[in-house]
């Protein structure tokens, strides 16, 4: 869907649970896509209860979300 957005960009890009993409996708690509939108809205899991059974996904996800938080306005519920 992110590649499709690049083909036909809109002013607003909303991504529900961007962490699913970040399990295997490139943070750099996501940031490039986000920069092409005037408004980028995304939800992300940033907790400590995810058990990844040693896969490393939880740590990868956490680091990527922390990088996103550095450049985005963050609203926590």
Protein backbone atom coordinates (compact mmCIF):
# COMPACT_ATOMS: atom_id res chain seq x y z
CA UNK A 1 0.00 0.00 0.00
CA UNK A 2 2.91 2.36 0.69
CA UNK A 3 4.24 1.81 -2.83
CA UNK A 4 0.77 2.51 -4.18
CA UNK A 5 0.69 5.76 -2.21
CA UNK A 6 3.91 6.83 -3.93
CA UNK A 7 2.30 6.16 -7.31
CA UNK A 8 -0.80 8.21 -6.45
CA UNK A 9 0.02 10.43 -3.45
CA UNK A 10 -2.67 12.21 -1.49
CA UNK A 11 -2.25 15.12 0.95
CA UNK A 12 -2.96 12.85 3.94
CA UNK A 13 -1.48 9.43 4.65
CA UNK A 14 -2.91 7.49 7.59
CA UNK A 15 -1.42 4.18 8.69
CA UNK A 16 -3.11 2.10 11.36
CA UNK A 17 -0.51 0.14 13.37
CA UNK A 18 2.62 1.09 11.48
CA UNK A 19 4.48 -1.39 13.70
CA UNK A 20 3.11 -4.26 11.59
CA UNK A 21 4.98 -2.80 8.60
CA UNK A 22 8.08 -2.25 10.73
CA UNK A 23 8.33 -5.94 11.63
CA UNK A 24 10.04 -6.51 8.30
CA UNK A 25 9.83 -3.27 6.32
CA UNK A 26 12.43 -0.56 5.98
CA UNK A 27 12.20 2.42 8.33
CA UNK A 28 13.98 4.52 5.71
CA UNK A 29 11.35 3.69 3.10
CA UNK A 30 8.56 4.50 5.54
CA UNK A 31 10.15 7.87 6.32
CA UNK A 32 10.51 8.64 2.62
CA UNK A 33 6.84 7.84 2.07
CA UNK A 34 5.78 9.89 5.10
CA UNK A 35 7.70 12.93 3.85
CA UNK A 36 5.70 12.88 0.60
CA UNK A 37 2.44 13.49 2.46
CA UNK A 38 1.46 16.87 3.81
CA UNK A 39 0.02 15.12 6.87
CA UNK A 40 1.22 11.72 8.10
CA UNK A 41 -0.88 10.03 10.79
CA UNK A 42 0.15 6.71 12.25
CA UNK A 43 -0.64 4.56 15.23
CA UNK A 44 2.05 2.35 16.69
CA UNK A 45 2.46 -0.14 19.51
CA UNK A 46 5.05 1.06 22.00
CA UNK A 47 4.76 -1.17 25.00
CA UNK A 48 6.60 -3.96 26.70
CA UNK A 49 4.12 -6.83 26.64
CA UNK A 50 4.90 -8.20 23.19
CA UNK A 51 6.53 -11.61 23.47
CA UNK A 52 8.33 -12.46 20.26
CA UNK A 53 9.69 -15.86 21.39
CA UNK A 54 13.26 -14.85 20.60
CA UNK A 55 12.63 -13.63 17.05
CA UNK A 56 13.93 -10.12 17.72
CA UNK A 57 10.84 -8.50 16.21
CA UNK A 58 9.93 -6.71 19.42
CA UNK A 59 13.34 -5.00 19.67
CA UNK A 60 13.34 -4.08 15.96
CA UNK A 61 9.85 -2.62 16.34
CA UNK A 62 10.79 -0.67 19.46
CA UNK A 63 13.90 0.89 17.88
CA UNK A 64 11.99 1.87 14.74
CA UNK A 65 9.15 3.45 16.73
CA UNK A 66 11.69 5.40 18.78
CA UNK A 67 13.18 6.76 15.54
CA UNK A 68 9.70 7.76 14.35
CA UNK A 69 9.04 9.48 17.66
CA UNK A 70 12.12 11.67 17.13
CA UNK A 71 10.64 13.27 14.02
CA UNK A 72 6.89 13.09 14.65
CA UNK A 73 4.59 14.82 17.07
CA UNK A 74 3.74 12.16 19.62
CA UNK A 75 0.39 11.79 21.32
CA UNK A 76 0.09 9.08 23.92
CA UNK A 77 -3.21 7.80 25.20
